[in-house]
Protein backbone atom coordinates (compact mmCIF):
# COMPACT_ATOMS: atom_id res chain seq x y z
CA UNK A 1 187.95 135.58 86.79
CA UNK A 2 184.51 136.71 88.04
CA UNK A 3 183.86 137.80 91.61
CA UNK A 4 181.94 134.56 92.20
CA UNK A 5 184.39 132.07 90.69
CA UNK A 6 187.22 133.64 92.72
CA UNK A 7 185.54 132.37 95.90
CA UNK A 8 186.58 128.76 95.20
CA UNK A 9 185.18 126.14 97.58
CA UNK A 10 182.65 128.01 99.74
CA UNK A 11 181.45 126.79 103.13
CA UNK A 12 178.46 128.48 104.80
CA UNK A 13 177.95 128.36 108.57
CA UNK A 14 174.25 128.21 109.43
CA UNK A 15 173.39 127.14 105.89
CA UNK A 16 169.81 126.23 106.82
CA UNK A 17 168.77 129.83 107.44
CA UNK A 18 166.56 131.55 104.87
CA UNK A 19 169.20 134.01 103.65
CA UNK A 20 172.11 131.59 103.82
CA UNK A 21 170.30 128.76 102.03
CA UNK A 22 169.43 131.13 99.16
CA UNK A 23 173.09 132.11 98.76
CA UNK A 24 174.24 128.48 98.93
CA UNK A 25 171.75 127.50 96.23
CA UNK A 26 172.90 130.31 93.92
CA UNK A 27 176.60 129.59 94.43
CA UNK A 28 176.02 125.93 93.56
CA UNK A 29 174.03 126.96 90.49
CA UNK A 30 177.00 129.05 89.35
CA UNK A 31 179.16 125.92 89.37
CA UNK A 32 181.08 126.35 92.64
CA UNK A 33 181.76 123.60 95.14
CA UNK A 34 179.53 124.54 98.08
CA UNK A 35 179.26 123.02 101.53
CA UNK A 36 177.56 124.13 104.71
CA UNK A 37 176.73 123.25 108.28
CA UNK A 38 173.81 123.85 110.57
CA UNK A 39 173.12 123.07 114.20
CA UNK A 40 170.04 121.00 113.39
CA UNK A 41 168.50 119.09 110.49
CA UNK A 42 165.99 121.75 109.47
CA UNK A 43 163.44 121.90 106.63
CA UNK A 44 165.79 123.70 104.21
CA UNK A 45 168.48 121.01 104.15
CA UNK A 46 166.88 118.43 101.79
CA UNK A 47 166.48 121.08 99.05
CA UNK A 48 170.09 122.18 99.56
CA UNK A 49 171.32 118.62 99.13
CA UNK A 50 169.22 118.31 95.97
CA UNK A 51 170.88 121.48 94.67
CA UNK A 52 174.31 119.91 95.09
CA UNK A 53 175.32 121.47 98.40
CA UNK A 54 177.31 119.25 100.81
CA UNK A 55 175.33 119.65 104.02
CA UNK A 56 176.56 118.70 107.50
CA UNK A 57 174.46 118.67 110.67
CA UNK A 58 176.49 119.98 113.57
CA UNK A 59 179.50 122.28 113.67
CA UNK A 60 183.04 120.91 113.47
CA UNK A 61 186.34 122.70 112.81
CA UNK A 62 187.51 120.00 110.40
CA UNK A 63 184.70 120.89 107.98
CA UNK A 64 186.68 123.92 106.79
CA UNK A 65 190.09 122.30 106.32
CA UNK A 66 189.83 122.28 102.50
CA UNK A 67 187.73 125.42 102.16
CA UNK A 68 188.74 128.59 100.27
CA UNK A 69 186.02 130.93 101.55
CA UNK A 70 183.89 130.84 104.71
CA UNK A 71 180.55 132.65 104.72
CA UNK A 72 178.89 133.64 108.00
CA UNK A 73 175.91 135.71 109.08
CA UNK A 74 175.72 138.15 111.98
CA UNK A 75 174.16 135.36 114.06
CA UNK A 76 177.37 133.28 114.01
CA UNK A 77 179.31 133.87 117.21
CA UNK A 78 183.08 134.14 117.47
CA UNK A 79 183.13 130.88 119.47
CA UNK A 80 181.91 128.84 116.48
CA UNK A 81 184.59 126.16 115.84
CA UNK A 82 184.45 126.51 112.06
CA UNK A 83 184.93 130.26 112.22
CA UNK A 84 187.76 129.79 114.71
CA UNK A 85 189.56 127.30 112.45
CA UNK A 86 189.11 129.58 109.43
CA UNK A 87 190.72 132.46 111.33
CA UNK A 88 193.61 130.22 112.36
CA UNK A 89 194.26 129.06 108.80
CA UNK A 90 193.89 132.46 107.20
CA UNK A 91 190.84 131.42 105.17
CA UNK A 92 188.86 134.30 103.68
CA UNK A 93 185.79 135.02 105.82
CA UNK A 94 182.88 136.87 104.22
CA UNK A 95 179.64 138.13 105.68
CA UNK A 96 176.68 136.68 103.79
CA UNK A 97 175.98 140.12 102.33
CA UNK A 98 179.46 140.14 100.75
CA UNK A 99 178.82 136.74 99.16
CA UNK A 100 175.49 138.00 97.84
CA UNK A 101 177.20 141.13 96.51
CA UNK A 102 179.58 138.90 94.54
CA UNK A 103 176.61 137.09 93.01
CA UNK A 104 175.05 140.40 91.96
CA UNK A 105 178.23 142.06 90.70
CA UNK A 106 177.69 141.35 86.99
CA UNK A 107 173.90 141.80 86.95
CA UNK A 108 171.37 144.64 86.97
CA UNK A 109 170.78 144.42 90.70
CA UNK A 110 167.58 145.50 92.41
CA UNK A 111 168.12 145.72 96.18
CA UNK A 112 164.93 146.09 98.22
CA UNK A 113 165.32 147.59 101.70
CA UNK A 114 163.04 148.90 104.43
CA UNK A 115 162.09 148.21 108.02
CA UNK A 116 159.16 146.18 106.73
CA UNK A 117 157.72 145.03 103.41
CA UNK A 118 161.03 144.13 101.79
CA UNK A 119 160.42 140.38 101.50
CA UNK A 120 157.01 140.87 99.92
CA UNK A 121 158.14 143.71 97.66
CA UNK A 122 161.28 141.93 96.43
CA UNK A 123 159.16 138.85 95.72
CA UNK A 124 156.69 141.00 93.79
CA UNK A 125 159.51 142.38 91.65
CA UNK A 126 160.86 138.89 91.00
CA UNK A 127 157.48 137.40 90.07
CA UNK A 128 156.57 140.34 87.81
CA UNK A 129 159.93 140.09 86.01
CA UNK A 130 159.49 136.35 85.60
CA UNK A 131 155.95 136.75 84.25
CA UNK A 132 157.22 139.38 81.80
CA UNK A 133 159.82 136.97 80.41
CA UNK A 134 162.89 138.67 81.92
CA UNK A 135 164.17 135.39 83.48
CA UNK A 136 165.55 137.06 86.63
CA UNK A 137 167.77 135.72 89.38
CA UNK A 138 166.75 136.41 92.96
CA UNK A 139 167.72 135.87 96.59
CA UNK A 140 164.82 136.48 98.95
CA UNK A 141 164.41 135.56 102.61
CA UNK A 142 161.24 133.55 102.15
CA UNK A 143 159.52 131.13 99.81
CA UNK A 144 158.17 133.04 96.81
CA UNK A 145 154.70 131.89 95.76
CA UNK A 146 153.37 132.44 92.24
CA UNK A 147 150.78 131.16 89.78
CA UNK A 148 153.20 128.33 89.02
CA UNK A 149 153.51 127.30 92.67
CA UNK A 150 156.37 127.79 95.19
CA UNK A 151 159.55 129.18 93.61
CA UNK A 152 161.73 128.90 96.73
CA UNK A 153 163.86 131.75 97.99
CA UNK A 154 166.54 131.62 95.30
CA UNK A 155 166.66 131.36 91.53
CA UNK A 156 169.55 131.61 89.06
CA UNK A 157 168.11 132.98 85.82
CA UNK A 158 169.78 133.82 82.52
CA UNK A 159 168.45 137.38 82.40
CA UNK A 160 170.26 140.54 83.41
CA UNK A 161 168.13 141.30 86.47
CA UNK A 162 169.00 140.12 89.98
CA UNK A 163 166.53 140.91 92.77
CA UNK A 164 167.76 140.79 96.35
CA UNK A 165 166.19 141.45 99.72
CA UNK A 166 168.60 143.88 101.40
CA UNK A 167 168.75 143.42 105.17
CA UNK A 168 169.30 146.63 107.09
CA UNK A 169 169.21 145.02 110.56
CA UNK A 170 172.99 144.94 110.97
CA UNK A 171 174.04 147.45 108.31
CA UNK A 172 175.07 144.70 105.90
CA UNK A 173 172.97 146.13 103.06
CA UNK A 174 175.82 148.59 102.53
CA UNK A 175 177.74 145.79 100.80
CA UNK A 176 175.56 146.11 97.68
CA UNK A 177 175.93 148.38 94.65
CA UNK A 178 172.50 148.14 93.05
CA UNK A 179 171.30 149.59 89.80
CA UNK A 180 167.94 150.10 91.50
CA UNK A 181 167.58 150.62 95.25
CA UNK A 182 163.94 150.24 96.33
CA UNK A 183 163.16 151.57 99.82
CA UNK A 184 159.71 150.70 101.17
CA UNK A 185 160.06 152.78 104.36
CA UNK A 186 162.60 154.07 106.83
CA UNK A 187 160.75 153.52 110.07
CA UNK A 188 163.06 153.03 113.07
CA UNK A 189 163.85 149.43 113.98
CA UNK A 190 166.91 147.46 115.08
CA UNK A 191 167.81 150.20 117.52
CA UNK A 192 169.78 147.60 119.46
CA UNK A 193 172.28 147.85 116.59
CA UNK A 194 171.97 151.50 115.53
CA UNK A 195 171.33 153.16 118.89
CA UNK A 196 169.15 156.00 117.57
CA UNK A 197 166.66 156.92 114.89
CA UNK A 198 169.19 159.33 113.40
CA UNK A 199 171.81 156.60 112.99
CA UNK A 200 169.20 154.27 111.47
CA UNK A 201 168.16 156.88 108.92
CA UNK A 202 171.78 157.73 108.09
CA UNK A 203 172.34 154.07 107.18
CA UNK A 204 169.69 154.43 104.48
CA UNK A 205 171.34 157.59 103.18
CA UNK A 206 174.56 155.58 102.94
CA UNK A 207 172.61 152.82 101.17
CA UNK A 208 171.32 155.31 98.59
CA UNK A 209 174.90 156.44 98.02
CA UNK A 210 175.69 152.87 96.90
CA UNK A 211 173.38 153.16 93.87
CA UNK A 212 175.44 152.79 90.69
CA UNK A 213 176.01 155.85 88.50
CA UNK A 214 173.03 156.08 86.18
CA UNK A 215 170.89 154.02 88.54
CA UNK A 216 167.69 154.85 90.40
CA UNK A 217 166.46 155.22 93.97
CA UNK A 218 162.80 154.16 94.20
CA UNK A 219 161.28 155.31 97.50
CA UNK A 220 157.85 155.48 99.12
CA UNK A 221 156.56 159.06 99.24
CA UNK A 222 154.00 158.17 101.93
CA UNK A 223 156.63 157.29 104.54
CA UNK A 224 158.16 160.21 106.42
CA UNK A 225 161.52 158.51 106.84
CA UNK A 226 161.72 157.61 103.15
CA UNK A 227 160.78 161.19 102.24
CA UNK A 228 163.65 162.47 104.40
CA UNK A 229 165.92 159.96 102.67
CA UNK A 230 164.98 161.35 99.25
CA UNK A 231 165.69 164.90 100.42
CA UNK A 232 169.06 163.89 101.84
CA UNK A 233 170.18 161.76 98.89
CA UNK A 234 168.78 163.56 95.84
CA UNK A 235 171.72 165.90 95.16
CA UNK A 236 174.34 163.16 95.52
CA UNK A 237 172.37 160.88 93.19
CA UNK A 238 171.95 163.63 90.61
CA UNK A 239 175.68 164.35 90.68
CA UNK A 240 176.31 160.74 89.68
CA UNK A 241 173.67 160.70 86.97
CA UNK A 242 171.26 158.67 89.11
CA UNK A 243 167.56 159.44 89.38
CA UNK A 244 164.85 159.33 92.04
CA UNK A 245 161.37 157.86 91.59
CA UNK A 246 158.86 158.21 94.41
CA UNK A 247 155.64 156.23 94.69
CA UNK A 248 152.58 156.19 96.91
CA UNK A 249 149.14 157.60 97.49
CA UNK A 250 150.58 161.09 97.96
CA UNK A 251 149.57 163.44 95.17
CA UNK A 252 153.15 164.62 94.67
CA UNK A 253 154.60 161.16 94.07
CA UNK A 254 156.14 160.32 90.70
CA UNK A 255 153.98 157.15 90.64
CA UNK A 256 150.57 157.81 92.19
CA UNK A 257 148.51 154.90 93.54
CA UNK A 258 144.73 155.22 93.72
CA UNK A 259 142.93 152.37 95.46
CA UNK A 260 139.79 151.00 93.84
CA UNK A 261 136.80 149.71 95.87
CA UNK A 262 137.32 146.27 97.39
CA UNK A 263 140.93 146.63 98.49
CA UNK A 264 142.44 144.17 96.01
CA UNK A 265 143.24 146.49 93.10
CA UNK A 266 144.57 149.93 92.33
CA UNK A 267 145.34 152.40 89.57
CA UNK A 268 148.89 153.60 88.89
CA UNK A 269 149.82 156.78 87.04
CA UNK A 270 153.43 157.71 86.42
CA UNK A 271 156.61 157.07 84.43
CA UNK A 272 154.72 157.90 81.27
CA UNK A 273 152.11 155.20 81.80
CA UNK A 274 148.70 154.57 83.33
CA UNK A 275 147.81 151.01 84.38
CA UNK A 276 145.54 149.00 86.64
CA UNK A 277 146.95 146.46 89.10
CA UNK A 278 144.90 143.62 90.59
CA UNK A 279 146.50 141.50 93.29
CA UNK A 280 145.75 138.02 94.60
CA UNK A 281 146.64 139.09 98.17
CA UNK A 282 144.64 141.44 100.40
CA UNK A 283 145.69 144.60 102.15
CA UNK A 284 146.31 148.27 101.41
CA UNK A 285 149.96 147.74 102.35
CA UNK A 286 150.34 145.14 99.59
CA UNK A 287 148.99 147.58 96.99
CA UNK A 288 151.57 150.11 98.15
CA UNK A 289 154.31 147.48 97.88
CA UNK A 290 153.07 146.65 94.38
CA UNK A 291 153.38 150.30 93.34
CA UNK A 292 157.06 150.28 94.31
CA UNK A 293 157.64 146.93 92.63
CA UNK A 294 156.00 148.19 89.42
CA UNK A 295 158.22 151.29 89.39
CA UNK A 296 161.34 149.12 89.79
CA UNK A 297 160.29 146.82 86.94
CA UNK A 298 159.60 149.75 84.61
CA UNK A 299 163.00 151.21 85.50
CA UNK A 300 164.54 147.90 84.37
CA UNK A 301 162.88 148.29 80.98
CA UNK A 302 159.81 146.11 81.43
CA UNK A 303 156.73 147.26 79.54
CA UNK A 304 154.45 149.03 82.08
CA UNK A 305 151.38 146.96 81.17
CA UNK A 306 153.38 143.72 81.33
CA UNK A 307 154.77 144.69 84.74
CA UNK A 308 151.27 145.39 86.05
CA UNK A 309 149.95 142.09 84.70
CA UNK A 310 152.95 140.25 86.16
CA UNK A 311 152.16 141.53 89.64
CA UNK A 312 148.86 139.70 89.40
CA UNK A 313 150.80 136.42 89.31
CA UNK A 314 152.20 137.08 92.81
CA UNK A 315 150.73 134.74 95.43
CA UNK A 316 152.53 136.06 98.52
CA UNK A 317 155.57 134.58 100.23
CA UNK A 318 155.83 131.96 102.92
CA UNK A 319 154.70 133.32 106.30
CA UNK A 320 153.11 136.41 104.79
CA UNK A 321 149.36 136.04 105.40
CA UNK A 322 149.79 132.35 104.63
CA UNK A 323 146.67 130.23 105.09
CA UNK A 324 147.55 127.20 107.20
CA UNK A 325 144.12 125.56 107.17
CA UNK A 326 140.41 125.86 107.94
CA UNK A 327 138.49 123.80 110.50
CA UNK A 328 134.88 124.29 111.52
CA UNK A 329 134.63 127.59 109.70
CA UNK A 330 137.73 128.98 111.43
CA UNK A 331 140.63 130.05 109.20
CA UNK A 332 144.15 129.91 110.61
CA UNK A 333 146.68 132.25 108.95
CA UNK A 334 150.39 132.68 109.70
CA UNK A 335 152.32 135.94 109.31
CA UNK A 336 155.90 137.02 109.95
CA UNK A 337 154.96 140.51 111.19
CA UNK A 338 157.25 141.53 114.06
CA UNK A 339 157.14 145.34 114.03
CA UNK A 340 154.11 147.41 115.15
CA UNK A 341 153.49 148.85 111.69
CA UNK A 342 153.58 145.35 110.18
CA UNK A 343 151.19 144.08 112.85
CA UNK A 344 148.72 146.89 112.13
CA UNK A 345 148.93 146.16 108.40
CA UNK A 346 148.29 142.43 108.74
CA UNK A 347 145.40 142.98 111.17
CA UNK A 348 143.91 145.47 108.70
CA UNK A 349 144.22 142.90 105.92
CA UNK A 350 142.61 140.27 108.13
CA UNK A 351 139.73 142.58 108.94
CA UNK A 352 139.14 143.17 105.22
CA UNK A 353 138.51 139.46 104.56
CA UNK A 354 136.63 138.33 107.70
CA UNK A 355 133.25 139.92 107.03
CA UNK A 356 131.15 139.40 110.16
CA UNK A 357 133.78 137.20 111.79
CA UNK A 358 136.29 138.20 114.43
CA UNK A 359 140.07 138.52 114.23
CA UNK A 360 141.98 136.57 116.90
CA UNK A 361 145.73 137.16 117.22
CA UNK A 362 148.38 134.95 118.80
CA UNK A 363 151.57 137.02 119.06
CA UNK A 364 155.08 135.97 119.96
CA UNK A 365 157.28 139.06 120.49
CA UNK A 366 160.67 138.87 118.74
CA UNK A 367 163.75 140.22 120.59
CA UNK A 368 163.78 141.69 124.08
CA UNK A 369 165.12 145.00 122.78
CA UNK A 370 162.35 145.43 120.19
CA UNK A 371 159.65 144.42 122.68
CA UNK A 372 160.88 146.95 125.23
CA UNK A 373 161.32 149.78 122.73
CA UNK A 374 157.98 149.36 120.95
CA UNK A 375 155.71 147.91 123.66
CA UNK A 376 153.29 150.85 123.51
CA UNK A 377 153.15 150.78 119.70
CA UNK A 378 152.54 147.02 119.75
CA UNK A 379 149.71 147.50 122.23
CA UNK A 380 148.07 150.11 120.02
CA UNK A 381 148.39 147.90 116.94
CA UNK A 382 146.86 144.87 118.63
CA UNK A 383 143.82 146.87 119.67
CA UNK A 384 142.75 146.34 116.03
CA UNK A 385 142.09 142.65 116.85
CA UNK A 386 139.11 141.30 118.76
CA UNK A 387 141.05 138.83 120.90
CA UNK A 388 144.81 138.89 121.62
CA UNK A 389 146.99 136.28 123.30
CA UNK A 390 150.68 137.11 123.77
CA UNK A 391 153.39 134.55 124.55
CA UNK A 392 156.79 135.11 126.07
CA UNK A 393 159.55 136.73 124.00
CA UNK A 394 161.48 134.81 121.35
CA UNK A 395 165.07 135.79 122.18
CA UNK A 396 166.67 134.97 118.80
CA UNK A 397 170.21 136.37 118.93
CA UNK A 398 169.80 138.15 122.29
CA UNK A 399 170.57 136.99 125.82
CA UNK A 400 167.78 136.57 128.36
CA UNK A 401 166.30 139.75 129.85
CA UNK A 402 163.98 138.61 132.68
CA UNK A 403 162.49 142.11 132.99
CA UNK A 404 161.03 141.99 129.47
CA UNK A 405 158.10 139.65 128.78
CA UNK A 406 155.04 139.55 126.59
CA UNK A 407 153.13 141.12 129.47
CA UNK A 408 154.61 144.48 128.44
CA UNK A 409 152.58 144.32 125.24
CA UNK A 410 149.41 143.06 126.95
CA UNK A 411 149.51 145.87 129.49
CA UNK A 412 149.56 148.44 126.69
CA UNK A 413 146.57 147.25 124.68
CA UNK A 414 144.11 150.12 125.24
CA UNK A 415 140.88 148.09 125.44
CA UNK A 416 140.68 146.40 128.86
CA UNK A 417 140.30 142.63 128.85
CA UNK A 418 141.07 142.21 125.15
CA UNK A 419 144.59 140.83 125.61
CA UNK A 420 145.99 138.02 127.74
CA UNK A 421 149.58 137.04 128.56
CA UNK A 422 150.13 133.26 128.35
CA UNK A 423 153.90 132.67 128.61
CA UNK A 424 153.99 129.09 127.29
CA UNK A 425 153.48 129.11 123.54
CA UNK A 426 151.57 125.82 123.37
CA UNK A 427 149.23 126.91 126.14
CA UNK A 428 148.77 130.18 124.27
CA UNK A 429 147.82 128.33 121.09
CA UNK A 430 145.24 126.27 122.94
CA UNK A 431 143.87 129.42 124.59
CA UNK A 432 143.29 131.03 121.19
CA UNK A 433 141.72 127.88 119.76
CA UNK A 434 139.32 127.68 122.69
CA UNK A 435 137.95 131.14 121.91
CA UNK A 436 137.58 130.72 118.13
CA UNK A 437 134.16 130.22 116.58
CA UNK A 438 132.87 129.76 113.01
CA UNK A 439 133.60 132.75 110.81
CA UNK A 440 136.64 133.85 112.81
CA UNK A 441 140.15 134.26 111.47
CA UNK A 442 143.04 133.28 113.76
CA UNK A 443 146.47 134.81 113.12
CA UNK A 444 149.76 133.48 114.42
CA UNK A 445 152.09 136.48 114.33
CA UNK A 446 155.83 136.88 114.85
CA UNK A 447 159.31 136.19 113.46
CA UNK A 448 160.11 133.31 115.82
CA UNK A 449 158.83 129.75 116.10
CA UNK A 450 155.23 130.87 116.56
CA UNK A 451 154.83 129.62 112.99
CA UNK A 452 154.79 126.08 114.44
CA UNK A 453 151.61 126.79 116.40
CA UNK A 454 149.24 126.89 113.42
CA UNK A 455 149.01 123.07 113.34
CA UNK A 456 148.48 123.03 117.12
CA UNK A 457 145.51 125.37 116.77
CA UNK A 458 144.08 123.37 113.86
CA UNK A 459 144.33 120.10 115.80
CA UNK A 460 142.60 121.67 118.79
CA UNK A 461 139.80 122.89 116.51
CA UNK A 462 139.49 119.39 114.98
CA UNK A 463 139.27 117.77 118.40
CA UNK A 464 136.62 120.22 119.47
CA UNK A 465 134.65 119.61 116.26
CA UNK A 466 134.90 115.85 116.87
CA UNK A 467 133.58 116.20 120.40
CA UNK A 468 130.63 118.29 119.19
CA UNK A 469 129.88 115.72 116.49
């Protein structure tokens, strides 16, 4: 019996979340009976029902009475009635990472980790493999966009490869045993969980130790944390017959990226090949992600030229520089960036496509702990924009901390008068819309529900255009 079939009837708590819905879809595709519950009727539920998942809105202990395995995420609290009933009845309870590990157990797994860039990079690997005819499976925390349109966040292919976004936020990426571990960076984050930079970096060393014998660690040579990871893990990997491939703009990398003028393409040299890569998404950070994705594909046996061509079919992922609409010459783009380095990267990408226009940013900080820890770094990053409006903090899994607000970020933007704190998110959206003019690009930025404000901004721009007409 395979690791997946042994799970029996699986019930997922919080099935509407990006990671959980991907797992539910894959389990159903493997022929299991799958059910799930969520607190609200969110946008992911119709697709889950279409995939054969029994979906319930609201949590109720009786939903798990005939269940063999319960799957939860770190966001599910001990007070959840379904989790409580499962404990009472002795039902097997798995973290979502353990369920995903079962799905990957008999495949050539590629696990993509890093403080930022992992969704985009894992999607790049998946799209390139698909374009090259490898028919991969994947589980990615966002909608993958390609030449053929949206692919969703999960796919059950017949090929050997399985691409997974490996979440380091709670240490759960240590459940995987990948053939290829791709690390985009090891820049400190989630210090509410790890407590220190040293503990965060050690988790990645432990992740590298999970690479299968004969496998490969692919790591970014340009990132100091990833470089330390390579130094710490190289001997252990070699002892198990595993290899290390580094990539980046650094001259000493195994795969060297050279950007070409324009910012949309680059030249890769390494792994016995020399290829050009042209992307359909802007940004120097995306070219760097593509270099890592290419190295992972080549390690899986894909022809280097086919892997490079396949990357050109990538059209981003949902909430990664996603155009929401254009009104009156003003483009509104949504992005999931929630770490200072990510913010700087997305603002740089925005600047590269605005020409003479301005970049206006609407930012919703995510987590009180992250906002407090990185307030200065956020302020520095947002100085790259022309206008900045910051809302109050999106708490997510944390309890209220009245001493931490978006004002912490505003106060640390170096240029006086550039940033404004508007606590109410709708008022903040209207404030940004009021300042936008033709040629500008407006960004809604953050991992919370700021994504819902794009339509608010577009409507405000339409109303203003109507009044002028």
